[in-house]
Amino acid sequence: MPDFALLLSFVDEIIISLFMNSENPEHSNLTELGKGGTQPSRTLETFPNRNPERDYLVELETSEFSCLCPKTGQPDFANILIRYAPDQKIVESKSLKLYLWTYRDEGVFHEHFANLLLTDLVEALDPKWCRVEVDFNARGGIGIVVTAEHGNPPEIAFS
């Protein structure tokens, strides 16, 4: 009977060669996708938009964001909704997950975080439009929702 670990390694190589062709120039900036043992990173990786002539929306949502109160160190939890109309670049979702992970042990005010996230997305993507909505869970009886926006929304954003 063949070594199971060796067989899995062989299957992984086949899958990577079929779906993550390293010679494809669209994949040249993607260093984290398909890589195990990842760590938090503030690098937002992108890949080319194949349809920059079209107005369409990309929506990314998570309910697993956490950071710390910068004064007390208590944990804060939030739902995040990112909506953007891409121009030339699209954010790679694993790099976004690793980016958000960097805040897990960092003290940051809610309003500052939403604006930092928007700034970093705009810097990485240069989108036609981007909107970040961060809905923090209530703590002390008060919930906070922060919305930050860049550019003018396309018609499709509200249809």
N, C-alpha and C. Protein backbone atom coordinates (compact mmCIF):
# COMPACT_ATOMS: atom_id res chain seq x y z
N MET A 1 0.85 -1.19 0.00
CA MET A 1 0.00 0.00 0.00
C MET A 1 0.89 1.24 0.00
N PRO A 2 0.60 2.23 -0.88
CA PRO A 2 1.45 3.42 -0.97
C PRO A 2 1.35 4.28 0.29
N ASP A 3 2.41 5.04 0.53
CA ASP A 3 2.44 5.96 1.66
C ASP A 3 1.37 7.03 1.46
N PHE A 4 0.43 7.15 2.41
CA PHE A 4 -0.70 8.06 2.29
C PHE A 4 -0.23 9.52 2.20
N ALA A 5 0.74 9.92 3.00
CA ALA A 5 1.25 11.29 2.98
C ALA A 5 1.85 11.63 1.62
N LEU A 6 2.56 10.68 1.03
CA LEU A 6 3.16 10.88 -0.28
C LEU A 6 2.07 11.03 -1.34
N LEU A 7 1.03 10.22 -1.23
CA LEU A 7 -0.09 10.30 -2.16
C LEU A 7 -0.80 11.66 -2.05
N LEU A 8 -1.03 12.13 -0.81
CA LEU A 8 -1.65 13.45 -0.63
C LEU A 8 -0.79 14.56 -1.21
N SER A 9 0.51 14.47 -1.03
CA SER A 9 1.43 15.47 -1.57
C SER A 9 1.33 15.51 -3.09
N PHE A 10 1.25 14.34 -3.70
CA PHE A 10 1.14 14.24 -5.15
C PHE A 10 -0.18 14.85 -5.63
N VAL A 11 -1.27 14.56 -4.94
CA VAL A 11 -2.57 15.13 -5.29
C VAL A 11 -2.55 16.64 -5.15
N ASP A 12 -1.95 17.16 -4.08
CA ASP A 12 -1.82 18.61 -3.90
C ASP A 12 -1.09 19.25 -5.07
N GLU A 13 0.00 18.64 -5.50
CA GLU A 13 0.78 19.18 -6.62
C GLU A 13 -0.06 19.23 -7.89
N ILE A 14 -0.86 18.20 -8.13
CA ILE A 14 -1.71 18.18 -9.32
C ILE A 14 -2.75 19.30 -9.25
N ILE A 15 -3.38 19.45 -8.09
CA ILE A 15 -4.40 20.48 -7.93
C ILE A 15 -3.79 21.87 -8.13
N ILE A 16 -2.65 22.11 -7.53
CA ILE A 16 -1.99 23.40 -7.67
C ILE A 16 -1.61 23.65 -9.12
N SER A 17 -1.10 22.65 -9.81
CA SER A 17 -0.70 22.85 -11.20
C SER A 17 -1.90 23.12 -12.10
N LEU A 18 -3.06 22.55 -11.76
CA LEU A 18 -4.25 22.76 -12.57
C LEU A 18 -4.90 24.11 -12.31
N PHE A 19 -4.96 24.52 -11.05
CA PHE A 19 -5.73 25.70 -10.69
C PHE A 19 -4.90 26.92 -10.34
N MET A 20 -3.68 26.73 -9.94
CA MET A 20 -2.83 27.86 -9.56
C MET A 20 -1.59 27.86 -10.44
N ASN A 21 -1.79 27.98 -11.71
CA ASN A 21 -0.69 27.99 -12.65
C ASN A 21 0.24 29.15 -12.34
N SER A 22 1.43 28.84 -11.86
CA SER A 22 2.36 29.89 -11.44
C SER A 22 2.87 30.71 -12.62
N GLU A 23 2.69 30.22 -13.83
CA GLU A 23 3.13 30.98 -15.00
C GLU A 23 2.09 31.98 -15.47
N ASN A 24 0.89 31.92 -14.92
CA ASN A 24 -0.15 32.87 -15.27
C ASN A 24 0.21 34.22 -14.65
N PRO A 25 0.38 35.26 -15.44
CA PRO A 25 0.78 36.56 -14.89
C PRO A 25 -0.24 37.14 -13.90
N GLU A 26 -1.50 36.70 -13.98
CA GLU A 26 -2.50 37.18 -13.03
C GLU A 26 -2.23 36.69 -11.62
N HIS A 27 -1.44 35.65 -11.49
CA HIS A 27 -1.15 35.06 -10.18
C HIS A 27 0.17 35.53 -9.60
N SER A 28 0.89 36.37 -10.31
CA SER A 28 2.25 36.73 -9.88
C SER A 28 2.29 37.45 -8.53
N ASN A 29 1.24 38.18 -8.17
CA ASN A 29 1.22 38.92 -6.89
C ASN A 29 0.60 38.13 -5.75
N LEU A 30 0.11 36.93 -6.01
CA LEU A 30 -0.60 36.17 -4.99
C LEU A 30 0.37 35.23 -4.29
N THR A 31 0.84 35.64 -3.12
CA THR A 31 1.82 34.85 -2.39
C THR A 31 1.21 34.00 -1.29
N GLU A 32 0.01 34.33 -0.83
CA GLU A 32 -0.59 33.63 0.30
C GLU A 32 -1.59 32.56 -0.10
N LEU A 33 -2.25 32.72 -1.24
CA LEU A 33 -3.28 31.78 -1.67
C LEU A 33 -2.66 30.42 -1.93
N GLY A 34 -3.22 29.39 -1.30
CA GLY A 34 -2.72 28.04 -1.47
C GLY A 34 -1.56 27.70 -0.56
N LYS A 35 -1.18 28.63 0.29
CA LYS A 35 -0.05 28.44 1.19
C LYS A 35 -0.57 28.10 2.59
N GLY A 36 -0.04 27.09 3.19
CA GLY A 36 -0.43 26.72 4.56
C GLY A 36 0.40 27.47 5.57
N GLY A 37 0.01 27.38 6.83
CA GLY A 37 0.78 27.99 7.93
C GLY A 37 0.88 29.49 7.82
N THR A 38 -0.19 30.14 7.41
CA THR A 38 -0.16 31.58 7.21
C THR A 38 -0.17 32.33 8.54
N GLN A 39 0.25 33.57 8.47
CA GLN A 39 0.31 34.45 9.63
C GLN A 39 -0.39 35.76 9.28
N PRO A 40 -0.80 36.53 10.29
CA PRO A 40 -1.41 37.83 10.01
C PRO A 40 -0.49 38.71 9.18
N SER A 41 -1.09 39.50 8.28
CA SER A 41 -0.29 40.36 7.40
C SER A 41 -1.12 41.57 6.98
N ARG A 42 -0.51 42.73 6.97
CA ARG A 42 -1.21 43.95 6.53
C ARG A 42 -1.10 44.14 5.01
N THR A 43 -0.64 43.15 4.29
CA THR A 43 -0.53 43.25 2.84
C THR A 43 -1.82 42.78 2.18
N LEU A 44 -2.44 43.66 1.43
CA LEU A 44 -3.63 43.30 0.65
C LEU A 44 -3.17 42.96 -0.76
N GLU A 45 -3.31 41.71 -1.13
CA GLU A 45 -2.90 41.26 -2.46
C GLU A 45 -4.06 41.44 -3.44
N THR A 46 -3.71 41.67 -4.69
CA THR A 46 -4.72 41.89 -5.72
C THR A 46 -4.42 41.04 -6.95
N PHE A 47 -5.44 40.91 -7.78
CA PHE A 47 -5.25 40.29 -9.09
C PHE A 47 -6.01 41.15 -10.11
N PRO A 48 -5.67 41.04 -11.40
CA PRO A 48 -6.28 41.91 -12.41
C PRO A 48 -7.78 41.65 -12.60
N ASN A 49 -8.50 42.73 -12.80
CA ASN A 49 -9.92 42.67 -13.14
C ASN A 49 -10.02 42.41 -14.64
N ARG A 50 -10.65 41.34 -15.03
CA ARG A 50 -10.80 41.02 -16.45
C ARG A 50 -11.91 41.81 -17.13
N ASN A 51 -12.71 42.53 -16.35
CA ASN A 51 -13.82 43.31 -16.91
C ASN A 51 -13.86 44.73 -16.36
N PRO A 52 -12.78 45.50 -16.50
CA PRO A 52 -12.78 46.85 -15.94
C PRO A 52 -13.73 47.80 -16.64
N GLU A 53 -14.17 47.45 -17.84
CA GLU A 53 -15.09 48.31 -18.58
C GLU A 53 -16.52 48.25 -18.04
N ARG A 54 -16.80 47.25 -17.22
CA ARG A 54 -18.15 47.02 -16.70
C ARG A 54 -18.25 47.49 -15.26
N ASP A 55 -19.36 48.15 -14.94
CA ASP A 55 -19.65 48.47 -13.55
C ASP A 55 -20.30 47.26 -12.90
N TYR A 56 -19.64 46.69 -11.91
CA TYR A 56 -20.21 45.61 -11.13
C TYR A 56 -19.70 45.73 -9.71
N LEU A 57 -20.37 45.05 -8.79
CA LEU A 57 -20.01 45.16 -7.38
C LEU A 57 -19.37 43.88 -6.89
N VAL A 58 -18.42 44.05 -6.02
CA VAL A 58 -17.85 42.95 -5.25
C VAL A 58 -18.23 43.22 -3.81
N GLU A 59 -18.81 42.22 -3.15
CA GLU A 59 -19.17 42.35 -1.75
C GLU A 59 -18.44 41.29 -0.95
N LEU A 60 -17.79 41.72 0.11
CA LEU A 60 -17.07 40.83 1.01
C LEU A 60 -17.63 41.05 2.40
N GLU A 61 -17.95 39.97 3.09
CA GLU A 61 -18.61 40.10 4.38
C GLU A 61 -18.00 39.11 5.37
N THR A 62 -17.83 39.56 6.60
CA THR A 62 -17.37 38.67 7.65
C THR A 62 -18.05 39.04 8.97
N SER A 63 -18.28 38.02 9.77
CA SER A 63 -18.82 38.23 11.11
C SER A 63 -17.78 37.82 12.16
N GLU A 64 -16.54 37.66 11.72
CA GLU A 64 -15.50 37.13 12.61
C GLU A 64 -14.42 38.15 12.96
N PHE A 65 -14.68 39.44 12.77
CA PHE A 65 -13.66 40.44 13.08
C PHE A 65 -13.61 40.71 14.58
N SER A 66 -12.40 40.87 15.08
CA SER A 66 -12.22 41.30 16.47
C SER A 66 -10.99 42.18 16.59
N CYS A 67 -11.07 43.09 17.54
CA CYS A 67 -9.95 43.95 17.89
C CYS A 67 -10.08 44.22 19.39
N LEU A 68 -9.25 45.08 19.91
CA LEU A 68 -9.29 45.40 21.33
C LEU A 68 -9.61 46.87 21.54
N CYS A 69 -10.29 47.16 22.63
CA CYS A 69 -10.50 48.55 23.03
C CYS A 69 -9.12 49.13 23.37
N PRO A 70 -8.75 50.27 22.78
CA PRO A 70 -7.41 50.81 23.03
C PRO A 70 -7.21 51.30 24.46
N LYS A 71 -8.27 51.52 25.20
CA LYS A 71 -8.16 52.01 26.58
C LYS A 71 -8.18 50.87 27.59
N THR A 72 -9.16 49.95 27.43
CA THR A 72 -9.34 48.91 28.45
C THR A 72 -8.73 47.56 28.07
N GLY A 73 -8.48 47.36 26.78
CA GLY A 73 -7.96 46.07 26.31
C GLY A 73 -9.04 45.01 26.18
N GLN A 74 -10.30 45.38 26.42
CA GLN A 74 -11.39 44.42 26.27
C GLN A 74 -11.64 44.15 24.79
N PRO A 75 -12.06 42.93 24.47
CA PRO A 75 -12.30 42.59 23.06
C PRO A 75 -13.55 43.25 22.51
N ASP A 76 -13.47 43.65 21.26
CA ASP A 76 -14.62 44.17 20.51
C ASP A 76 -14.81 43.28 19.29
N PHE A 77 -16.06 43.00 18.96
CA PHE A 77 -16.38 42.13 17.84
C PHE A 77 -17.26 42.89 16.86
N ALA A 78 -17.09 42.60 15.56
CA ALA A 78 -17.85 43.34 14.56
C ALA A 78 -18.16 42.50 13.34
N ASN A 79 -19.23 42.90 12.67
CA ASN A 79 -19.55 42.41 11.34
C ASN A 79 -19.03 43.46 10.37
N ILE A 80 -18.42 43.01 9.29
CA ILE A 80 -17.87 43.94 8.30
C ILE A 80 -18.49 43.61 6.95
N LEU A 81 -18.92 44.66 6.25
CA LEU A 81 -19.38 44.54 4.88
C LEU A 81 -18.58 45.51 4.04
N ILE A 82 -17.88 44.98 3.06
CA ILE A 82 -17.10 45.78 2.12
C ILE A 82 -17.78 45.65 0.77
N ARG A 83 -18.09 46.78 0.16
CA ARG A 83 -18.68 46.79 -1.18
C ARG A 83 -17.82 47.70 -2.04
N TYR A 84 -17.43 47.22 -3.21
CA TYR A 84 -16.68 48.09 -4.10
C TYR A 84 -16.93 47.76 -5.56
N ALA A 85 -16.75 48.78 -6.39
CA ALA A 85 -16.81 48.63 -7.84
C ALA A 85 -15.36 48.66 -8.32
N PRO A 86 -14.84 47.51 -8.73
CA PRO A 86 -13.42 47.47 -9.11
C PRO A 86 -13.13 48.22 -10.40
N ASP A 87 -11.91 48.70 -10.48
CA ASP A 87 -11.42 49.27 -11.73
C ASP A 87 -10.46 48.25 -12.33
N GLN A 88 -9.18 48.39 -12.09
CA GLN A 88 -8.19 47.47 -12.68
C GLN A 88 -7.84 46.29 -11.79
N LYS A 89 -8.14 46.38 -10.48
CA LYS A 89 -7.70 45.34 -9.54
C LYS A 89 -8.84 44.85 -8.66
N ILE A 90 -8.69 43.60 -8.23
CA ILE A 90 -9.63 42.96 -7.31
C ILE A 90 -8.82 42.44 -6.12
N VAL A 91 -9.36 42.60 -4.92
CA VAL A 91 -8.64 42.13 -3.73
C VAL A 91 -8.79 40.61 -3.62
N GLU A 92 -7.71 39.96 -3.26
CA GLU A 92 -7.72 38.50 -3.05
C GLU A 92 -8.22 38.27 -1.62
N SER A 93 -9.24 37.44 -1.46
CA SER A 93 -9.95 37.33 -0.19
C SER A 93 -9.10 36.76 0.95
N LYS A 94 -8.18 35.85 0.66
CA LYS A 94 -7.35 35.32 1.76
C LYS A 94 -6.46 36.41 2.33
N SER A 95 -5.93 37.27 1.46
CA SER A 95 -5.09 38.35 1.97
C SER A 95 -5.91 39.31 2.82
N LEU A 96 -7.19 39.50 2.47
CA LEU A 96 -8.07 40.33 3.30
C LEU A 96 -8.28 39.68 4.66
N LYS A 97 -8.48 38.37 4.68
CA LYS A 97 -8.64 37.65 5.95
C LYS A 97 -7.40 37.82 6.82
N LEU A 98 -6.22 37.70 6.23
CA LEU A 98 -4.97 37.85 6.99
C LEU A 98 -4.78 39.29 7.46
N TYR A 99 -5.23 40.24 6.64
CA TYR A 99 -5.18 41.66 7.01
C TYR A 99 -6.05 41.91 8.25
N LEU A 100 -7.29 41.42 8.20
CA LEU A 100 -8.20 41.63 9.33
C LEU A 100 -7.68 40.97 10.59
N TRP A 101 -7.01 39.84 10.44
CA TRP A 101 -6.45 39.10 11.57
C TRP A 101 -5.43 39.95 12.33
N THR A 102 -4.75 40.86 11.65
CA THR A 102 -3.72 41.68 12.31
C THR A 102 -4.28 42.57 13.40
N TYR A 103 -5.58 42.82 13.36
CA TYR A 103 -6.20 43.69 14.37
C TYR A 103 -6.66 42.93 15.60
N ARG A 104 -6.59 41.61 15.58
CA ARG A 104 -7.12 40.80 16.68
C ARG A 104 -6.53 41.19 18.03
N ASP A 105 -5.26 41.50 18.07
CA ASP A 105 -4.60 41.85 19.33
C ASP A 105 -4.19 43.32 19.38
N GLU A 106 -4.84 44.14 18.57
CA GLU A 106 -4.47 45.55 18.49
C GLU A 106 -5.60 46.42 19.05
N GLY A 107 -5.22 47.40 19.83
CA GLY A 107 -6.18 48.36 20.34
C GLY A 107 -6.45 49.43 19.30
N VAL A 108 -7.71 49.59 18.93
CA VAL A 108 -8.05 50.59 17.93
C VAL A 108 -9.50 51.03 18.14
N PHE A 109 -9.74 52.34 18.05
CA PHE A 109 -11.10 52.85 18.14
C PHE A 109 -11.88 52.42 16.90
N HIS A 110 -13.17 52.20 17.07
CA HIS A 110 -14.01 51.70 15.98
C HIS A 110 -13.98 52.62 14.76
N GLU A 111 -14.10 53.89 15.02
CA GLU A 111 -14.12 54.86 13.92
C GLU A 111 -12.80 54.88 13.16
N HIS A 112 -11.71 54.75 13.89
CA HIS A 112 -10.40 54.73 13.24
C HIS A 112 -10.22 53.47 12.41
N PHE A 113 -10.66 52.33 12.95
CA PHE A 113 -10.50 51.09 12.20
C PHE A 113 -11.21 51.14 10.85
N ALA A 114 -12.47 51.58 10.85
CA ALA A 114 -13.24 51.62 9.59
C ALA A 114 -12.53 52.49 8.56
N ASN A 115 -12.00 53.61 8.99
CA ASN A 115 -11.30 54.49 8.06
C ASN A 115 -9.94 53.95 7.63
N LEU A 116 -9.24 53.27 8.54
CA LEU A 116 -7.98 52.62 8.16
C LEU A 116 -8.22 51.55 7.11
N LEU A 117 -9.26 50.75 7.32
CA LEU A 117 -9.60 49.69 6.36
C LEU A 117 -9.91 50.29 5.00
N LEU A 118 -10.74 51.32 4.98
CA LEU A 118 -11.07 51.97 3.70
C LEU A 118 -9.82 52.51 3.03
N THR A 119 -8.99 53.21 3.77
CA THR A 119 -7.76 53.79 3.20
C THR A 119 -6.88 52.71 2.60
N ASP A 120 -6.70 51.60 3.31
CA ASP A 120 -5.84 50.52 2.81
C ASP A 120 -6.44 49.84 1.57
N LEU A 121 -7.76 49.67 1.56
CA LEU A 121 -8.42 49.10 0.37
C LEU A 121 -8.27 50.02 -0.84
N VAL A 122 -8.49 51.30 -0.63
CA VAL A 122 -8.37 52.26 -1.73
C VAL A 122 -6.94 52.31 -2.25
N GLU A 123 -5.98 52.26 -1.34
CA GLU A 123 -4.57 52.27 -1.75
C GLU A 123 -4.22 51.03 -2.57
N ALA A 124 -4.72 49.87 -2.16
CA ALA A 124 -4.41 48.63 -2.86
C ALA A 124 -5.16 48.48 -4.17
N LEU A 125 -6.41 48.94 -4.20
CA LEU A 125 -7.29 48.67 -5.34
C LEU A 125 -7.47 49.82 -6.32
N ASP A 126 -7.42 51.04 -5.83
CA ASP A 126 -7.80 52.21 -6.63
C ASP A 126 -9.14 51.94 -7.32
N PRO A 127 -10.18 51.62 -6.52
CA PRO A 127 -11.47 51.24 -7.10
C PRO A 127 -12.24 52.45 -7.63
N LYS A 128 -13.24 52.16 -8.45
CA LYS A 128 -14.14 53.22 -8.91
C LYS A 128 -14.92 53.77 -7.72
N TRP A 129 -15.27 52.88 -6.79
CA TRP A 129 -16.04 53.24 -5.60
C TRP A 129 -15.81 52.17 -4.54
N CYS A 130 -15.81 52.56 -3.28
CA CYS A 130 -15.67 51.59 -2.19
C CYS A 130 -16.40 52.10 -0.96
N ARG A 131 -17.09 51.18 -0.30
CA ARG A 131 -17.81 51.51 0.93
C ARG A 131 -17.53 50.42 1.96
N VAL A 132 -17.17 50.83 3.16
CA VAL A 132 -16.89 49.91 4.25
C VAL A 132 -17.91 50.19 5.36
N GLU A 133 -18.60 49.15 5.80
CA GLU A 133 -19.55 49.27 6.91
C GLU A 133 -19.10 48.32 8.00
N VAL A 134 -18.83 48.85 9.17
CA VAL A 134 -18.38 48.04 10.29
C VAL A 134 -19.41 48.20 11.42
N ASP A 135 -20.05 47.10 11.76
CA ASP A 135 -21.11 47.08 12.76
C ASP A 135 -20.58 46.37 14.01
N PHE A 136 -20.15 47.17 14.99
CA PHE A 136 -19.59 46.62 16.21
C PHE A 136 -20.70 46.18 17.16
N ASN A 137 -20.50 45.03 17.79
CA ASN A 137 -21.45 44.53 18.78
C ASN A 137 -21.54 45.51 19.94
N ALA A 138 -22.71 45.55 20.52
CA ALA A 138 -22.92 46.45 21.66
C ALA A 138 -22.04 46.03 22.83
N ARG A 139 -21.44 47.03 23.45
CA ARG A 139 -20.69 46.82 24.68
C ARG A 139 -21.06 47.98 25.58
N GLY A 140 -21.45 47.68 26.80
CA GLY A 140 -21.94 48.73 27.69
C GLY A 140 -23.27 49.28 27.23
N GLY A 141 -24.01 48.47 26.47
CA GLY A 141 -25.34 48.87 26.01
C GLY A 141 -25.35 49.74 24.76
N ILE A 142 -24.18 50.01 24.18
CA ILE A 142 -24.12 50.88 23.01
C ILE A 142 -23.43 50.15 21.86
N GLY A 143 -24.14 50.02 20.74
CA GLY A 143 -23.55 49.48 19.52
C GLY A 143 -23.08 50.63 18.65
N ILE A 144 -22.06 50.39 17.88
CA ILE A 144 -21.53 51.44 17.00
C ILE A 144 -21.46 50.89 15.58
N VAL A 145 -22.00 51.63 14.63
CA VAL A 145 -21.88 51.31 13.22
C VAL A 145 -21.12 52.46 12.56
N VAL A 146 -20.03 52.11 11.87
CA VAL A 146 -19.23 53.13 11.19
C VAL A 146 -19.25 52.81 9.71
N THR A 147 -19.59 53.81 8.91
CA THR A 147 -19.60 53.67 7.46
C THR A 147 -18.64 54.69 6.88
N ALA A 148 -17.74 54.23 6.03
CA ALA A 148 -16.79 55.12 5.35
C ALA A 148 -16.85 54.81 3.87
N GLU A 149 -16.73 55.86 3.05
CA GLU A 149 -16.94 55.68 1.61
C GLU A 149 -15.91 56.47 0.82
N HIS A 150 -15.54 55.92 -0.33
CA HIS A 150 -14.60 56.57 -1.25
C HIS A 150 -15.24 56.63 -2.63
N GLY A 151 -15.25 57.80 -3.23
CA GLY A 151 -15.76 57.94 -4.59
C GLY A 151 -17.28 58.03 -4.64
N ASN A 152 -17.78 58.06 -5.85
CA ASN A 152 -19.22 58.14 -6.08
C ASN A 152 -19.74 56.76 -6.45
N PRO A 153 -20.82 56.32 -5.80
CA PRO A 153 -21.32 54.97 -6.08
C PRO A 153 -21.90 54.86 -7.49
N PRO A 154 -21.65 53.74 -8.15
CA PRO A 154 -22.28 53.52 -9.45
C PRO A 154 -23.77 53.19 -9.23
N GLU A 155 -24.56 53.31 -10.29
CA GLU A 155 -25.99 53.05 -10.18
C GLU A 155 -26.28 51.66 -9.62
N ILE A 156 -25.48 50.69 -9.99
CA ILE A 156 -25.70 49.30 -9.56
C ILE A 156 -25.58 49.14 -8.05
N ALA A 157 -24.93 50.06 -7.37
CA ALA A 157 -24.70 49.93 -5.93
C ALA A 157 -26.00 49.93 -5.13
N PHE A 158 -27.04 50.52 -5.67
CA PHE A 158 -28.29 50.63 -4.93
C PHE A 158 -29.48 50.06 -5.69
N SER A 159 -29.21 49.18 -6.63
CA SER A 159 -30.32 48.58 -7.39
C SER A 159 -30.75 47.26 -6.80
